Amino acid sequence: MTVTKKELIDTITQELSATGTPISKTQVAAVLDQFGAVATRAFNRGFDVPLPGLGKLKPAERAARSGRNPATGYPMEIPAKRLIKFVEAKALSATLNP
């Protein structure tokens, strides 16, 4: 099951209201959108992006390699590329694997 952006916004809004920090859904949506923009800039500069309580997102490089075209079976070169890796926090790992 996937949590949609709307469900995420609704849940954050409800939980903050329950703890005495009322905030509107529009404000939560703006924060999430801005987080994406800030994270993109950080990745482009080679920085990690922390996700408190979850872990961190780290930019990484995948080297060029040779592989096979799954449709034809012919060899092909797969170019190098940049990607994002998630490194989970110890607390999250302990929760998932008690």
N, C-alpha and C. Protein backbone atom coordinates (compact mmCIF):
# COMPACT_ATOMS: atom_id res chain seq x y z
N MET A 1 0.83 -1.17 0.00
CA MET A 1 0.00 0.00 0.00
C MET A 1 0.88 1.24 0.00
N THR A 2 0.47 2.24 -0.73
CA THR A 2 1.21 3.48 -0.83
C THR A 2 0.44 4.61 -0.16
N VAL A 3 1.13 5.43 0.59
CA VAL A 3 0.53 6.61 1.19
C VAL A 3 0.57 7.72 0.15
N THR A 4 -0.57 8.31 -0.15
CA THR A 4 -0.61 9.39 -1.12
C THR A 4 -0.17 10.70 -0.46
N LYS A 5 0.15 11.69 -1.30
CA LYS A 5 0.56 12.98 -0.77
C LYS A 5 -0.57 13.59 0.06
N LYS A 6 -1.80 13.48 -0.41
CA LYS A 6 -2.95 14.02 0.32
C LYS A 6 -3.09 13.34 1.69
N GLU A 7 -2.95 12.02 1.73
CA GLU A 7 -3.04 11.30 3.01
C GLU A 7 -1.92 11.73 3.95
N LEU A 8 -0.73 11.92 3.41
CA LEU A 8 0.41 12.35 4.22
C LEU A 8 0.14 13.74 4.81
N ILE A 9 -0.35 14.65 3.98
CA ILE A 9 -0.66 16.00 4.45
C ILE A 9 -1.75 15.95 5.52
N ASP A 10 -2.81 15.18 5.29
CA ASP A 10 -3.90 15.07 6.27
C ASP A 10 -3.39 14.51 7.60
N THR A 11 -2.58 13.47 7.54
CA THR A 11 -2.08 12.84 8.76
C THR A 11 -1.17 13.79 9.55
N ILE A 12 -0.27 14.47 8.86
CA ILE A 12 0.62 15.41 9.54
C ILE A 12 -0.20 16.53 10.18
N THR A 13 -1.18 17.05 9.46
CA THR A 13 -2.02 18.12 9.99
C THR A 13 -2.76 17.66 11.24
N GLN A 14 -3.35 16.48 11.20
CA GLN A 14 -4.09 15.95 12.35
C GLN A 14 -3.18 15.71 13.55
N GLU A 15 -2.02 15.12 13.31
CA GLU A 15 -1.12 14.79 14.42
C GLU A 15 -0.54 16.05 15.05
N LEU A 16 -0.23 17.06 14.25
CA LEU A 16 0.27 18.32 14.82
C LEU A 16 -0.83 19.02 15.61
N SER A 17 -2.05 18.98 15.12
CA SER A 17 -3.16 19.59 15.84
C SER A 17 -3.39 18.89 17.18
N ALA A 18 -3.26 17.57 17.19
CA ALA A 18 -3.47 16.79 18.40
C ALA A 18 -2.40 17.09 19.46
N THR A 19 -1.21 17.52 19.02
CA THR A 19 -0.13 17.81 19.98
C THR A 19 -0.08 19.29 20.35
N GLY A 20 -1.09 20.07 19.89
CA GLY A 20 -1.15 21.47 20.27
C GLY A 20 -0.42 22.42 19.33
N THR A 21 -0.06 21.95 18.15
CA THR A 21 0.60 22.78 17.16
C THR A 21 -0.28 22.83 15.91
N PRO A 22 -1.34 23.63 15.95
CA PRO A 22 -2.22 23.66 14.78
C PRO A 22 -1.52 24.28 13.57
N ILE A 23 -1.71 23.67 12.42
CA ILE A 23 -1.12 24.13 11.17
C ILE A 23 -2.08 23.73 10.06
N SER A 24 -2.17 24.54 9.05
CA SER A 24 -3.13 24.26 7.98
C SER A 24 -2.57 23.24 6.99
N LYS A 25 -3.47 22.61 6.25
CA LYS A 25 -3.06 21.65 5.22
C LYS A 25 -2.24 22.35 4.14
N THR A 26 -2.58 23.61 3.85
CA THR A 26 -1.85 24.37 2.84
C THR A 26 -0.40 24.59 3.28
N GLN A 27 -0.21 24.88 4.56
CA GLN A 27 1.14 25.08 5.08
C GLN A 27 1.94 23.78 5.05
N VAL A 28 1.32 22.67 5.42
CA VAL A 28 2.01 21.38 5.37
C VAL A 28 2.40 21.04 3.93
N ALA A 29 1.50 21.27 2.99
CA ALA A 29 1.80 21.00 1.58
C ALA A 29 2.94 21.88 1.10
N ALA A 30 2.97 23.13 1.53
CA ALA A 30 4.06 24.04 1.13
C ALA A 30 5.40 23.56 1.68
N VAL A 31 5.41 23.09 2.92
CA VAL A 31 6.65 22.57 3.52
C VAL A 31 7.14 21.35 2.76
N LEU A 32 6.24 20.43 2.44
CA LEU A 32 6.65 19.23 1.70
C LEU A 32 7.19 19.58 0.32
N ASP A 33 6.53 20.51 -0.37
CA ASP A 33 7.01 20.93 -1.69
C ASP A 33 8.38 21.60 -1.59
N GLN A 34 8.55 22.45 -0.59
CA GLN A 34 9.83 23.13 -0.43
C GLN A 34 10.92 22.15 -0.04
N PHE A 35 10.58 21.13 0.75
CA PHE A 35 11.56 20.11 1.11
C PHE A 35 12.12 19.45 -0.16
N GLY A 36 11.25 19.16 -1.11
CA GLY A 36 11.71 18.57 -2.37
C GLY A 36 12.68 19.47 -3.10
N ALA A 37 12.41 20.77 -3.13
CA ALA A 37 13.30 21.72 -3.80
C ALA A 37 14.65 21.82 -3.09
N VAL A 38 14.60 21.90 -1.76
CA VAL A 38 15.85 21.98 -0.98
C VAL A 38 16.67 20.71 -1.15
N ALA A 39 16.02 19.55 -1.11
CA ALA A 39 16.73 18.27 -1.27
C ALA A 39 17.38 18.18 -2.64
N THR A 40 16.68 18.62 -3.68
CA THR A 40 17.25 18.57 -5.03
C THR A 40 18.52 19.42 -5.12
N ARG A 41 18.48 20.62 -4.54
CA ARG A 41 19.68 21.47 -4.55
C ARG A 41 20.82 20.82 -3.78
N ALA A 42 20.51 20.20 -2.65
CA ALA A 42 21.54 19.54 -1.84
C ALA A 42 22.17 18.38 -2.61
N PHE A 43 21.36 17.58 -3.29
CA PHE A 43 21.88 16.45 -4.07
C PHE A 43 22.78 16.93 -5.19
N ASN A 44 22.39 18.01 -5.84
CA ASN A 44 23.21 18.55 -6.94
C ASN A 44 24.56 19.03 -6.45
N ARG A 45 24.66 19.42 -5.18
CA ARG A 45 25.94 19.83 -4.60
C ARG A 45 26.68 18.67 -3.94
N GLY A 46 26.07 17.48 -3.96
CA GLY A 46 26.72 16.29 -3.40
C GLY A 46 26.50 16.09 -1.92
N PHE A 47 25.53 16.79 -1.33
CA PHE A 47 25.26 16.69 0.10
C PHE A 47 24.22 15.61 0.40
N ASP A 48 24.30 15.04 1.60
CA ASP A 48 23.28 14.12 2.10
C ASP A 48 22.08 14.93 2.60
N VAL A 49 20.91 14.31 2.60
CA VAL A 49 19.70 14.96 3.12
C VAL A 49 19.14 14.09 4.24
N PRO A 50 19.12 14.61 5.47
CA PRO A 50 18.61 13.82 6.59
C PRO A 50 17.08 13.76 6.60
N LEU A 51 16.57 12.63 7.01
CA LEU A 51 15.14 12.44 7.25
C LEU A 51 15.03 12.01 8.71
N PRO A 52 14.85 12.96 9.62
CA PRO A 52 14.88 12.66 11.05
C PRO A 52 13.97 11.48 11.43
N GLY A 53 14.56 10.55 12.17
CA GLY A 53 13.82 9.37 12.60
C GLY A 53 13.77 8.25 11.58
N LEU A 54 14.14 8.54 10.33
CA LEU A 54 14.09 7.53 9.28
C LEU A 54 15.47 7.14 8.77
N GLY A 55 16.31 8.12 8.51
CA GLY A 55 17.63 7.86 7.95
C GLY A 55 18.09 9.05 7.15
N LYS A 56 18.80 8.79 6.05
CA LYS A 56 19.21 9.88 5.19
C LYS A 56 19.26 9.44 3.75
N LEU A 57 19.10 10.40 2.87
CA LEU A 57 19.21 10.17 1.44
C LEU A 57 20.58 10.65 1.02
N LYS A 58 21.29 9.80 0.28
CA LYS A 58 22.66 10.12 -0.11
C LYS A 58 22.80 10.02 -1.63
N PRO A 59 23.42 11.03 -2.25
CA PRO A 59 23.69 10.92 -3.68
C PRO A 59 24.80 9.89 -3.90
N ALA A 60 24.70 9.14 -4.97
CA ALA A 60 25.70 8.10 -5.26
C ALA A 60 25.92 8.04 -6.77
N GLU A 61 26.97 7.39 -7.16
CA GLU A 61 27.31 7.20 -8.57
C GLU A 61 27.23 5.71 -8.89
N ARG A 62 26.65 5.37 -10.01
CA ARG A 62 26.67 4.00 -10.50
C ARG A 62 27.58 3.98 -11.71
N ALA A 63 28.59 3.13 -11.68
CA ALA A 63 29.57 3.06 -12.76
C ALA A 63 28.95 2.48 -14.03
N ALA A 64 29.55 2.82 -15.15
CA ALA A 64 29.12 2.23 -16.42
C ALA A 64 29.40 0.73 -16.38
N ARG A 65 28.58 -0.03 -17.06
CA ARG A 65 28.77 -1.48 -17.07
C ARG A 65 28.18 -2.05 -18.34
N SER A 66 28.52 -3.27 -18.61
CA SER A 66 27.93 -3.94 -19.77
C SER A 66 26.82 -4.86 -19.27
N GLY A 67 25.81 -5.00 -20.09
CA GLY A 67 24.68 -5.84 -19.74
C GLY A 67 24.09 -6.44 -21.00
N ARG A 68 22.90 -6.96 -20.90
CA ARG A 68 22.22 -7.55 -22.05
C ARG A 68 20.84 -6.93 -22.21
N ASN A 69 20.45 -6.71 -23.45
CA ASN A 69 19.11 -6.23 -23.75
C ASN A 69 18.15 -7.37 -23.43
N PRO A 70 17.21 -7.18 -22.52
CA PRO A 70 16.32 -8.28 -22.14
C PRO A 70 15.41 -8.75 -23.27
N ALA A 71 15.12 -7.87 -24.22
CA ALA A 71 14.23 -8.25 -25.31
C ALA A 71 14.95 -9.08 -26.38
N THR A 72 16.22 -8.71 -26.67
CA THR A 72 16.94 -9.37 -27.75
C THR A 72 18.05 -10.30 -27.28
N GLY A 73 18.54 -10.04 -26.06
CA GLY A 73 19.65 -10.84 -25.56
C GLY A 73 21.01 -10.34 -26.01
N TYR A 74 21.05 -9.29 -26.84
CA TYR A 74 22.32 -8.77 -27.33
C TYR A 74 23.01 -7.95 -26.24
N PRO A 75 24.35 -8.00 -26.21
CA PRO A 75 25.10 -7.20 -25.24
C PRO A 75 24.92 -5.71 -25.52
N MET A 76 24.96 -4.94 -24.45
CA MET A 76 24.85 -3.49 -24.59
C MET A 76 25.60 -2.82 -23.45
N GLU A 77 25.98 -1.57 -23.66
CA GLU A 77 26.65 -0.81 -22.62
C GLU A 77 25.61 0.02 -21.87
N ILE A 78 25.65 -0.07 -20.55
CA ILE A 78 24.76 0.71 -19.70
C ILE A 78 25.59 1.88 -19.17
N PRO A 79 25.20 3.12 -19.46
CA PRO A 79 26.02 4.26 -19.06
C PRO A 79 26.01 4.50 -17.55
N ALA A 80 27.03 5.21 -17.09
CA ALA A 80 27.10 5.61 -15.68
C ALA A 80 25.96 6.58 -15.40
N LYS A 81 25.54 6.62 -14.14
CA LYS A 81 24.50 7.58 -13.78
C LYS A 81 24.56 7.90 -12.30
N ARG A 82 23.96 9.04 -11.97
CA ARG A 82 23.85 9.45 -10.57
C ARG A 82 22.50 8.99 -10.05
N LEU A 83 22.46 8.60 -8.77
CA LEU A 83 21.22 8.14 -8.17
C LEU A 83 21.20 8.50 -6.70
N ILE A 84 20.08 8.26 -6.06
CA ILE A 84 19.91 8.55 -4.64
C ILE A 84 19.74 7.22 -3.90
N LYS A 85 20.51 7.06 -2.81
CA LYS A 85 20.39 5.86 -1.98
C LYS A 85 19.84 6.27 -0.62
N PHE A 86 19.01 5.40 -0.06
CA PHE A 86 18.46 5.62 1.28
C PHE A 86 19.24 4.77 2.27
N VAL A 87 19.74 5.42 3.33
CA VAL A 87 20.44 4.71 4.40
C VAL A 87 19.56 4.85 5.64
N GLU A 88 19.02 3.74 6.11
CA GLU A 88 18.08 3.80 7.23
C GLU A 88 18.79 4.05 8.55
N ALA A 89 18.09 4.73 9.43
CA ALA A 89 18.60 5.00 10.77
C ALA A 89 18.55 3.72 11.60
N LYS A 90 19.41 3.65 12.61
CA LYS A 90 19.43 2.47 13.46
C LYS A 90 18.09 2.27 14.17
N ALA A 91 17.47 3.36 14.57
CA ALA A 91 16.17 3.27 15.27
C ALA A 91 15.10 2.67 14.35
N LEU A 92 15.08 3.08 13.10
CA LEU A 92 14.11 2.53 12.15
C LEU A 92 14.39 1.05 11.89
N SER A 93 15.65 0.72 11.75
CA SER A 93 16.03 -0.66 11.53
C SER A 93 15.62 -1.54 12.72
N ALA A 94 15.81 -1.02 13.92
CA ALA A 94 15.44 -1.77 15.12
C ALA A 94 13.93 -1.95 15.21
N THR A 95 13.16 -0.96 14.74
CA THR A 95 11.71 -1.06 14.76
C THR A 95 11.23 -2.10 13.76
N LEU A 96 11.85 -2.12 12.58
CA LEU A 96 11.44 -3.05 11.54
C LEU A 96 11.90 -4.49 11.81
N ASN A 97 13.04 -4.61 12.49
CA ASN A 97 13.63 -5.93 12.77
C ASN A 97 13.89 -6.07 14.28
N PRO A 98 12.84 -6.31 15.06
CA PRO A 98 13.02 -6.37 16.53
C PRO A 98 13.85 -7.55 16.97
